C-alpha atoms as a PDB file:
ATOM      1  CA  MET A   1      54.832  18.125 -19.807  1.00  0.00           C
ATOM      2  CA  ILE A   2      52.480  15.511 -20.411  1.00  0.00           C
ATOM      3  CA  ALA A   3      52.888  11.562 -19.423  1.00  0.00           C
ATOM      4  CA  ASN A   4      54.342   9.343 -22.207  1.00  0.00           C
ATOM      5  CA  PRO A   5      52.350   6.229 -22.562  1.00  0.00           C
ATOM      6  CA  ILE A   6      55.577   4.491 -23.492  1.00  0.00           C
ATOM      7  CA  LYS A   7      57.121   5.091 -20.047  1.00  0.00           C
ATOM      8  CA  GLU A   8      53.716   4.346 -18.531  1.00  0.00           C
ATOM      9  CA  LEU A   9      52.460   1.103 -19.713  1.00  0.00           C
ATOM     10  CA  PRO A  10      55.331  -1.333 -18.858  1.00  0.00           C
ATOM     11  CA  LEU A  11      54.913  -0.021 -14.867  1.00  0.00           C
ATOM     12  CA  ARG A  12      51.213  -1.498 -15.253  1.00  0.00           C
ATOM     13  CA  LYS A  13      52.165  -4.618 -17.051  1.00  0.00           C
ATOM     14  CA  SER A  14      51.018  -3.604 -20.261  1.00  0.00           C
ATOM     15  CA  PRO A  15      52.649  -4.134 -23.628  1.00  0.00           C
ATOM     16  CA  ILE A  16      52.928  -1.195 -25.686  1.00  0.00           C
ATOM     17  CA  ILE A  17      51.686  -1.805 -29.192  1.00  0.00           C
ATOM     18  CA  ASN A  18      53.025   0.757 -31.850  1.00  0.00           C
ATOM     19  CA  GLY A  19      51.484   1.438 -35.785  1.00  0.00           C
ATOM     20  CA  TRP A  20      54.235   2.110 -38.279  1.00  0.00           C
ATOM     21  CA  LEU A  21      53.657   5.228 -40.433  1.00  0.00           C
ATOM     22  CA  THR A  22      55.216   4.857 -43.990  1.00  0.00           C
ATOM     23  CA  LEU A  23      53.247   6.730 -46.156  1.00  0.00           C
ATOM     24  CA  GLY A  24      53.651  10.368 -45.685  1.00  0.00           C
ATOM     25  CA  SER A  25      49.970  10.778 -45.023  1.00  0.00           C
ATOM     26  CA  ALA A  26      48.338  13.063 -42.000  1.00  0.00           C
ATOM     27  CA  PHE A  27      45.274  11.780 -42.734  1.00  0.00           C
ATOM     28  CA  ALA A  28      46.499   7.600 -42.869  1.00  0.00           C
ATOM     29  CA  ALA A  29      48.000   8.371 -39.609  1.00  0.00           C
ATOM     30  CA  GLU A  30      44.856   9.960 -38.179  1.00  0.00           C
ATOM     31  CA  VAL A  31      43.176   7.015 -39.570  1.00  0.00           C
ATOM     32  CA  GLN A  32      45.757   4.721 -37.364  1.00  0.00           C
ATOM     33  CA  ALA A  33      45.217   6.595 -34.440  1.00  0.00           C
ATOM     34  CA  ASP A  34      41.503   6.151 -34.360  1.00  0.00           C
ATOM     35  CA  PHE A  35      42.317   2.428 -33.373  1.00  0.00           C
ATOM     36  CA  GLY A  36      43.646   1.691 -30.364  1.00  0.00           C
ATOM     37  CA  TYR A  37      47.573   1.717 -30.879  1.00  0.00           C
ATOM     38  CA  SER A  38      49.306   2.909 -27.703  1.00  0.00           C
ATOM     39  CA  SER A  39      51.809   4.876 -30.085  1.00  0.00           C
ATOM     40  CA  LEU A  40      52.655   5.550 -33.613  1.00  0.00           C
ATOM     41  CA  THR A  41      56.058   5.670 -35.182  1.00  0.00           C
ATOM     42  CA  ALA A  42      56.933   8.269 -37.831  1.00  0.00           C
ATOM     43  CA  ASP A  43      59.712   6.000 -40.453  1.00  0.00           C
ATOM     44  CA  MET A  44      61.595   8.893 -41.875  1.00  0.00           C
ATOM     45  CA  GLN A  45      64.702   6.200 -42.610  1.00  0.00           C
ATOM     46  CA  HIS A  46      62.988   4.023 -45.220  1.00  0.00           C
ATOM     47  CA  GLY A  47      59.248   5.193 -45.389  1.00  0.00           C
ATOM     48  CA  MET A  48      58.416   7.867 -47.819  1.00  0.00           C
ATOM     49  CA  MET A  49      58.371  10.688 -45.237  1.00  0.00           C
ATOM     50  CA  ASP A  50      60.367  13.683 -44.757  1.00  0.00           C
ATOM     51  CA  TYR A  51      60.880  15.964 -41.884  1.00  0.00           C
ATOM     52  CA  GLN A  52      57.442  18.107 -42.540  1.00  0.00           C
ATOM     53  CA  ASP A  53      55.540  14.834 -43.365  1.00  0.00           C
ATOM     54  CA  MET A  54      56.479  13.792 -39.859  1.00  0.00           C
ATOM     55  CA  VAL A  55      55.434  16.994 -38.222  1.00  0.00           C
ATOM     56  CA  ALA A  56      52.074  16.801 -40.033  1.00  0.00           C
ATOM     57  CA  ALA A  57      51.537  13.233 -38.852  1.00  0.00           C
ATOM     58  CA  PHE A  58      52.117  14.227 -35.381  1.00  0.00           C
ATOM     59  CA  ALA A  59      49.621  17.249 -35.676  1.00  0.00           C
ATOM     60  CA  SER A  60      47.032  14.602 -37.323  1.00  0.00           C
ATOM     61  CA  ILE A  61      47.107  11.810 -34.303  1.00  0.00           C
ATOM     62  CA  ARG A  62      47.838  14.490 -31.125  1.00  0.00           C
ATOM     63  CA  ALA A  63      43.750  14.544 -30.299  1.00  0.00           C
ATOM     64  CA  SER A  64      44.200  10.717 -30.035  1.00  0.00           C
ATOM     65  CA  GLY A  65      46.596  10.734 -27.277  1.00  0.00           C
ATOM     66  CA  VAL A  66      48.904   8.050 -29.299  1.00  0.00           C
ATOM     67  CA  ALA A  67      52.817   8.686 -28.625  1.00  0.00           C
ATOM     68  CA  PRO A  68      54.090   9.960 -31.277  1.00  0.00           C
ATOM     69  CA  LEU A  69      57.531   8.349 -32.145  1.00  0.00           C
ATOM     70  CA  ALA A  70      60.054   8.770 -35.181  1.00  0.00           C
ATOM     71  CA  ARG A  71      62.681   6.398 -36.700  1.00  0.00           C
ATOM     72  CA  VAL A  72      65.150   8.951 -37.455  1.00  0.00           C
ATOM     73  CA  PRO A  73      67.533   8.431 -40.361  1.00  0.00           C
ATOM     74  CA  TRP A  74      70.773   7.765 -38.652  1.00  0.00           C
ATOM     75  CA  LEU A  75      72.593   8.743 -35.952  1.00  0.00           C
ATOM     76  CA  GLU A  76      73.074  12.697 -36.644  1.00  0.00           C
ATOM     77  CA  PRO A  77      72.424  15.271 -34.225  1.00  0.00           C
ATOM     78  CA  GLY A  78      70.519  17.878 -36.547  1.00  0.00           C
ATOM     79  CA  ILE A  79      67.369  15.547 -37.239  1.00  0.00           C
ATOM     80  CA  ILE A  80      67.629  13.855 -33.596  1.00  0.00           C
ATOM     81  CA  MET A  81      66.912  16.951 -32.114  1.00  0.00           C
ATOM     82  CA  LYS A  82      64.888  18.457 -34.568  1.00  0.00           C
ATOM     83  CA  THR A  83      62.558  15.685 -34.586  1.00  0.00           C
ATOM     84  CA  LEU A  84      62.263  16.040 -30.414  1.00  0.00           C
ATOM     85  CA  ASP A  85      61.531  19.516 -31.194  1.00  0.00           C
ATOM     86  CA  ALA A  86      58.438  18.639 -33.449  1.00  0.00           C
ATOM     87  CA  GLY A  87      57.051  16.676 -30.285  1.00  0.00           C
ATOM     88  CA  ALA A  88      58.193  13.138 -30.671  1.00  0.00           C
ATOM     89  CA  LEU A  89      58.194  11.297 -27.600  1.00  0.00           C
ATOM     90  CA  GLY A  90      60.403   8.966 -28.364  1.00  0.00           C
ATOM     91  CA  VAL A  91      63.025   8.103 -30.838  1.00  0.00           C
ATOM     92  CA  ILE A  92      64.139   4.886 -32.483  1.00  0.00           C
ATOM     93  CA  CYS A  93      67.784   5.236 -34.135  1.00  0.00           C
ATOM     94  CA  PRO A  94      68.711   2.602 -36.407  1.00  0.00           C
ATOM     95  CA  MET A  95      72.320   0.671 -37.059  1.00  0.00           C
ATOM     96  CA  ILE A  96      73.773   1.193 -33.182  1.00  0.00           C
ATOM     97  CA  ASN A  97      76.598  -0.641 -32.932  1.00  0.00           C
ATOM     98  CA  ASN A  98      78.661  -0.050 -29.940  1.00  0.00           C
ATOM     99  CA  ARG A  99      78.633   1.476 -26.552  1.00  0.00           C
ATOM    100  CA  GLU A 100      80.372   4.660 -28.055  1.00  0.00           C
ATOM    101  CA  GLN A 101      77.518   5.147 -30.626  1.00  0.00           C
ATOM    102  CA  ALA A 102      74.779   4.208 -27.626  1.00  0.00           C
ATOM    103  CA  GLU A 103      76.353   7.066 -25.897  1.00  0.00           C
ATOM    104  CA  THR A 104      75.947   9.498 -28.485  1.00  0.00           C
ATOM    105  CA  LEU A 105      72.367   8.742 -29.486  1.00  0.00           C
ATOM    106  CA  VAL A 106      71.540   9.021 -25.443  1.00  0.00           C
ATOM    107  CA  SER A 107      73.412  12.444 -25.427  1.00  0.00           C
ATOM    108  CA  TYR A 108      71.490  14.017 -28.756  1.00  0.00           C
ATOM    109  CA  VAL A 109      68.083  13.193 -26.650  1.00  0.00           C
ATOM    110  CA  ARG A 110      68.799  14.786 -23.672  1.00  0.00           C
ATOM    111  CA  TYR A 111      69.219  18.326 -22.647  1.00  0.00           C
ATOM    112  CA  PRO A 112      72.809  19.045 -20.276  1.00  0.00           C
ATOM    113  CA  PRO A 113      73.508  17.799 -17.660  1.00  0.00           C
ATOM    114  CA  LYS A 114      72.837  14.575 -19.151  1.00  0.00           C
ATOM    115  CA  GLY A 115      73.753  15.391 -22.766  1.00  0.00           C
ATOM    116  CA  VAL A 116      73.842  17.774 -25.364  1.00  0.00           C
ATOM    117  CA  ARG A 117      70.431  18.687 -27.129  1.00  0.00           C
ATOM    118  CA  SER A 118      70.413  22.044 -27.975  1.00  0.00           C
ATOM    119  CA  PHE A 119      66.996  23.951 -26.592  1.00  0.00           C
ATOM    120  CA  GLY A 120      64.471  25.098 -29.190  1.00  0.00           C
ATOM    121  CA  PRO A 121      61.568  22.826 -28.593  1.00  0.00           C
ATOM    122  CA  THR A 122      59.536  24.692 -30.772  1.00  0.00           C
ATOM    123  CA  ARG A 123      56.272  22.695 -31.471  1.00  0.00           C
ATOM    124  CA  ALA A 124      57.049  20.371 -28.453  1.00  0.00           C
ATOM    125  CA  LEU A 125      56.211  23.288 -25.993  1.00  0.00           C
ATOM    126  CA  LEU A 126      52.728  23.126 -27.407  1.00  0.00           C
ATOM    127  CA  SER A 127      52.026  19.540 -27.878  1.00  0.00           C
ATOM    128  CA  THR A 128      53.575  18.121 -24.599  1.00  0.00           C
ATOM    129  CA  GLY A 129      52.743  21.079 -22.313  1.00  0.00           C
ATOM    130  CA  ALA A 130      55.497  23.898 -21.755  1.00  0.00           C
ATOM    131  CA  ASP A 131      55.407  23.571 -17.744  1.00  0.00           C
ATOM    132  CA  ASN A 132      58.809  21.910 -16.893  1.00  0.00           C
ATOM    133  CA  TYR A 133      59.562  20.722 -20.449  1.00  0.00           C
ATOM    134  CA  VAL A 134      63.596  20.649 -19.555  1.00  0.00           C
ATOM    135  CA  GLU A 135      63.212  19.327 -16.500  1.00  0.00           C
ATOM    136  CA  GLN A 136      60.796  16.631 -17.450  1.00  0.00           C
ATOM    137  CA  SER A 137      61.702  15.843 -21.033  1.00  0.00           C
ATOM    138  CA  ASN A 138      65.184  13.908 -19.720  1.00  0.00           C
ATOM    139  CA  GLU A 139      63.011  11.487 -17.869  1.00  0.00           C
ATOM    140  CA  ASN A 140      59.842  11.360 -20.011  1.00  0.00           C
ATOM    141  CA  ILE A 141      61.432  11.108 -23.204  1.00  0.00           C
ATOM    142  CA  VAL A 142      62.721   7.244 -24.601  1.00  0.00           C
ATOM    143  CA  CYS A 143      65.211   6.473 -26.549  1.00  0.00           C
ATOM    144  CA  PHE A 144      65.589   3.006 -28.367  1.00  0.00           C
ATOM    145  CA  ALA A 145      68.523   1.640 -30.325  1.00  0.00           C
ATOM    146  CA  MET A 146      68.759  -0.908 -32.898  1.00  0.00           C
ATOM    147  CA  ILE A 147      69.708  -4.069 -33.136  1.00  0.00           C
ATOM    148  CA  GLU A 148      70.133  -5.128 -36.109  1.00  0.00           C
ATOM    149  CA  THR A 149      73.765  -5.974 -37.463  1.00  0.00           C
ATOM    150  CA  GLY A 150      76.107  -8.611 -36.729  1.00  0.00           C
ATOM    151  CA  GLU A 151      78.819  -5.857 -35.112  1.00  0.00           C
ATOM    152  CA  ALA A 152      75.679  -4.589 -32.642  1.00  0.00           C
ATOM    153  CA  TYR A 153      74.748  -8.475 -31.773  1.00  0.00           C
ATOM    154  CA  GLU A 154      78.440  -8.911 -30.568  1.00  0.00           C
ATOM    155  CA  ASN A 155      78.450  -5.819 -28.690  1.00  0.00           C
ATOM    156  CA  LEU A 156      75.268  -6.343 -27.366  1.00  0.00           C
ATOM    157  CA  GLN A 157      75.853  -6.410 -23.674  1.00  0.00           C
ATOM    158  CA  GLU A 158      77.963  -3.154 -23.578  1.00  0.00           C
ATOM    159  CA  ILE A 159      74.954  -1.232 -25.291  1.00  0.00           C
ATOM    160  CA  VAL A 160      72.446  -2.267 -23.131  1.00  0.00           C
ATOM    161  CA  VAL A 161      73.897  -1.160 -19.994  1.00  0.00           C
ATOM    162  CA  THR A 162      74.656   2.481 -21.523  1.00  0.00           C
ATOM    163  CA  PRO A 163      73.217   4.994 -19.112  1.00  0.00           C
ATOM    164  CA  GLY A 164      70.342   6.799 -20.411  1.00  0.00           C
ATOM    165  CA  LEU A 165      69.193   4.046 -23.131  1.00  0.00           C
ATOM    166  CA  ASP A 166      65.421   2.961 -22.839  1.00  0.00           C
ATOM    167  CA  GLY A 167      65.182  -0.081 -24.932  1.00  0.00           C
ATOM    168  CA  THR A 168      66.464  -1.936 -27.614  1.00  0.00           C
ATOM    169  CA  TYR A 169      64.438  -2.126 -30.962  1.00  0.00           C
ATOM    170  CA  ILE A 170      64.716  -5.242 -33.339  1.00  0.00           C
ATOM    171  CA  GLY A 171      64.836  -5.094 -36.894  1.00  0.00           C
ATOM    172  CA  PRO A 172      64.473  -8.575 -38.146  1.00  0.00           C
ATOM    173  CA  SER A 173      65.784  -8.239 -41.734  1.00  0.00           C
ATOM    174  CA  ASP A 174      68.787  -6.026 -41.324  1.00  0.00           C
ATOM    175  CA  LEU A 175      69.194  -8.705 -38.045  1.00  0.00           C
ATOM    176  CA  SER A 176      69.120 -11.847 -40.479  1.00  0.00           C
ATOM    177  CA  LEU A 177      71.566 -10.178 -43.365  1.00  0.00           C
ATOM    178  CA  GLY A 178      73.970  -9.259 -40.150  1.00  0.00           C
ATOM    179  CA  LEU A 179      73.928 -12.325 -38.807  1.00  0.00           C
ATOM    180  CA  THR A 180      73.669 -14.989 -41.704  1.00  0.00           C
ATOM    181  CA  LYS A 181      75.346 -12.446 -44.141  1.00  0.00           C
ATOM    182  CA  GLY A 182      72.235 -12.999 -46.398  1.00  0.00           C
ATOM    183  CA  ARG A 183      72.221 -16.600 -46.114  1.00  0.00           C
ATOM    184  CA  MET A 184      68.743 -16.345 -44.799  1.00  0.00           C
ATOM    185  CA  GLY A 185      67.240 -13.640 -46.784  1.00  0.00           C
ATOM    186  CA  VAL A 186      65.064 -10.995 -45.223  1.00  0.00           C
ATOM    187  CA  GLY A 187      61.843 -10.538 -44.091  1.00  0.00           C
ATOM    188  CA  LEU A 188      59.833  -9.999 -40.763  1.00  0.00           C
ATOM    189  CA  ASP A 189      58.327 -12.931 -38.629  1.00  0.00           C
ATOM    190  CA  ARG A 190      61.273 -14.597 -38.296  1.00  0.00           C
ATOM    191  CA  ARG A 191      60.949 -18.435 -36.824  1.00  0.00           C
ATOM    192  CA  GLU A 192      64.010 -19.848 -37.914  1.00  0.00           C
ATOM    193  CA  ASP A 193      66.019 -21.578 -34.562  1.00  0.00           C
ATOM    194  CA  GLU A 194      68.760 -19.568 -35.309  1.00  0.00           C
ATOM    195  CA  LEU A 195      67.041 -16.147 -35.899  1.00  0.00           C
ATOM    196  CA  LEU A 196      64.971 -16.815 -32.858  1.00  0.00           C
ATOM    197  CA  GLU A 197      67.689 -17.886 -30.617  1.00  0.00           C
ATOM    198  CA  ALA A 198      69.498 -14.309 -31.729  1.00  0.00           C
ATOM    199  CA  ILE A 199      66.056 -12.676 -30.981  1.00  0.00           C
ATOM    200  CA  LYS A 200      65.366 -14.218 -27.383  1.00  0.00           C
ATOM    201  CA  ARG A 201      69.025 -13.398 -26.849  1.00  0.00           C
ATOM    202  CA  ILE A 202      68.320  -9.330 -27.377  1.00  0.00           C
ATOM    203  CA  LEU A 203      64.981 -10.003 -25.377  1.00  0.00           C
ATOM    204  CA  ASP A 204      66.694 -11.339 -22.251  1.00  0.00           C
ATOM    205  CA  ALA A 205      70.261  -9.117 -22.423  1.00  0.00           C
ATOM    206  CA  SER A 206      67.762  -6.097 -22.609  1.00  0.00           C
ATOM    207  CA  LYS A 207      65.282  -7.530 -19.557  1.00  0.00           C
ATOM    208  CA  ASN A 208      68.782  -8.536 -17.463  1.00  0.00           C
ATOM    209  CA  ALA A 209      69.421  -4.397 -18.199  1.00  0.00           C
ATOM    210  CA  ASP A 210      66.067  -3.692 -16.944  1.00  0.00           C
ATOM    211  CA  ILE A 211      65.256  -1.448 -20.331  1.00  0.00           C
ATOM    212  CA  LEU A 212      62.228  -1.856 -22.792  1.00  0.00           C
ATOM    213  CA  ALA A 213      62.765  -4.969 -25.361  1.00  0.00           C
ATOM    214  CA  GLY A 214      61.292  -3.830 -29.189  1.00  0.00           C
ATOM    215  CA  ILE A 215      60.448  -5.729 -32.331  1.00  0.00           C
ATOM    216  CA  HIS A 216      59.485  -5.206 -35.654  1.00  0.00           C
ATOM    217  CA  CYS A 217      56.218  -7.799 -36.323  1.00  0.00           C
ATOM    218  CA  GLY A 218      54.435  -8.126 -39.547  1.00  0.00           C
ATOM    219  CA  THR A 219      51.811  -9.772 -38.475  1.00  0.00           C
ATOM    220  CA  PRO A 220      49.263  -9.588 -35.835  1.00  0.00           C
ATOM    221  CA  GLU A 221      49.642 -13.826 -34.701  1.00  0.00           C
ATOM    222  CA  TYR A 222      53.624 -13.001 -34.559  1.00  0.00           C
ATOM    223  CA  ALA A 223      53.472  -9.979 -32.517  1.00  0.00           C
ATOM    224  CA  ALA A 224      51.418 -11.783 -29.899  1.00  0.00           C
ATOM    225  CA  ASP A 225      53.852 -14.108 -29.773  1.00  0.00           C
ATOM    226  CA  ALA A 226      56.482 -11.916 -29.058  1.00  0.00           C
ATOM    227  CA  ILE A 227      54.689 -10.512 -26.515  1.00  0.00           C
ATOM    228  CA  ALA A 228      54.236 -13.846 -24.991  1.00  0.00           C
ATOM    229  CA  TRP A 229      58.174 -14.336 -24.895  1.00  0.00           C
ATOM    230  CA  GLY A 230      58.458 -11.198 -22.920  1.00  0.00           C
ATOM    231  CA  PHE A 231      58.795  -8.040 -25.608  1.00  0.00           C
ATOM    232  CA  ASP A 232      57.466  -4.757 -24.170  1.00  0.00           C
ATOM    233  CA  PHE A 233      57.063  -2.748 -26.747  1.00  0.00           C
ATOM    234  CA  VAL A 234      55.731  -4.630 -30.494  1.00  0.00           C
ATOM    235  CA  THR A 235      55.473  -2.674 -33.931  1.00  0.00           C
ATOM    236  CA  VAL A 236      52.232  -4.417 -36.013  1.00  0.00           C
ATOM    237  CA  SER A 237      52.723  -4.028 -39.816  1.00  0.00           C
ATOM    238  CA  ASN A 238      52.733  -0.454 -41.308  1.00  0.00           C
ATOM    239  CA  ASP A 239      50.458   1.612 -42.605  1.00  0.00           C
ATOM    240  CA  THR A 240      51.381   0.769 -46.366  1.00  0.00           C
ATOM    241  CA  SER A 241      51.142  -3.186 -46.001  1.00  0.00           C
ATOM    242  CA  LEU A 242      47.687  -2.644 -43.849  1.00  0.00           C
ATOM    243  CA  VAL A 243      46.478  -0.699 -47.251  1.00  0.00           C
ATOM    244  CA  ALA A 244      47.965  -3.098 -49.738  1.00  0.00           C
ATOM    245  CA  ASN A 245      46.669  -6.090 -48.032  1.00  0.00           C
ATOM    246  CA  GLY A 246      43.271  -4.528 -47.720  1.00  0.00           C
ATOM    247  CA  ALA A 247      43.053  -3.898 -51.066  1.00  0.00           C
ATOM    248  CA  ALA A 248      44.082  -7.353 -51.754  1.00  0.00           C
ATOM    249  CA  THR A 249      41.402  -9.104 -49.464  1.00  0.00           C
ATOM    250  CA  CYS A 250      38.649  -6.521 -51.584  1.00  0.00           C
ATOM    251  CA  LEU A 251      39.726  -7.481 -54.517  1.00  0.00           C
ATOM    252  CA  SER A 252      39.953 -11.572 -53.705  1.00  0.00           C
ATOM    253  CA  THR A 253      36.450 -11.320 -52.149  1.00  0.00           C
ATOM    254  CA  LEU A 254      34.983  -9.445 -54.952  1.00  0.00           C
ATOM    255  CA  HIS A 255      36.311 -12.063 -57.513  1.00  0.00           C
ATOM    256  CA  SER A 256      35.347 -14.940 -55.477  1.00  0.00           C
ATOM    257  CA  CYS A 257      31.850 -13.758 -55.241  1.00  0.00           C
ATOM    258  CA  LEU A 258      31.558 -12.801 -59.089  1.00  0.00           C
ATOM    259  CA  LYS A 259      32.501 -16.499 -59.742  1.00  0.00           C
ATOM    260  CA  ASN A 260      29.766 -17.718 -57.846  1.00  0.00           C
ATOM    261  CA  LEU A 261      27.410 -15.688 -59.982  1.00  0.00           C
ATOM    262  CA  GLY A 262      29.103 -17.298 -63.174  1.00  0.00           C
ATOM    263  CA  ILE A 263      30.914 -13.863 -63.992  1.00  0.00           C
ATOM    264  CA  ASP A 264      34.744 -14.169 -64.928  1.00  0.00           C
ATOM    265  CA  ILE A 265      36.931 -10.682 -64.843  1.00  0.00           C
ATOM    266  CA  ALA A 266      40.648 -10.005 -64.935  1.00  0.00           C
ATOM    267  CA  ILE A 267      41.688  -9.039 -61.488  1.00  0.00           C
ATOM    268  CA  ASN A 268      45.551  -8.972 -60.430  1.00  0.00           C
ATOM    269  CA  HIS A 269      46.251 -11.495 -57.828  1.00  0.00           C
ATOM    270  CA  LYS A 270      49.367  -9.686 -56.476  1.00  0.00           C
ATOM    271  CA  LYS A 271      50.328 -10.704 -53.183  1.00  0.00           C
ATOM    272  CA  PRO A 272      51.042  -7.953 -50.781  1.00  0.00           C
ATOM    273  CA  SER A 273      54.349  -8.231 -48.781  1.00  0.00           C
ATOM    274  CA  ASN A 274      54.894  -7.478 -45.123  1.00  0.00           C
ATOM    275  CA  TYR A 275      57.899  -4.964 -44.539  1.00  0.00           C
END
């Protein structure tokens, strides 16, 4: 079985730079894979992607050597196991609220005796290598539990020490909703003292448990700060935002150039949002 960069990079004290796929476009995934990401995550929870979109994205990025990951829609064995059978080298699972759910997640990702995963890695044998797949996948494939609710935050210490869990992943918008009951709204790149304290508590708990700490970031500046704080795994923007920001910058620049030439045209200056 091929090596998993998500396992190897932290050992070299190198952060994992993750891209986020939401558009459901295999070509967009292929384009992103060509620019130096460590991994790309197909978002089947909130992205415009279904299972077949994910499989097509994985196929398109295979030649790049970028690790294919997926955020599954929920803690459900069927989709988690099919995601792994399609060749995912890691799973990010939303709304893990307690130790029991974390243990269940781990069990769906591992073959017996460490879990209950059913055998049938149809595409995975092709994309990750058939040699010793069963033996090596239990150690090579990673699973992240998303810490994004008030309940998960209260149960943080018992979640992070779950045997077989490889990391935590912070969803800042849901974490804000869960901890402040909507008082601070939603959004990425949080710098409010209350939320920064929570983010760094999750980071410290993960580090103390010797597992990876991941966070969803909207901008490269915030991702750089997160790495400086000690995060091992940072997602930087997503394909939808990259397209939106690129379009906005292009049209804004065009408008400025035309204005300097004395030409005035109507351009919709819609400000894109980072999700």
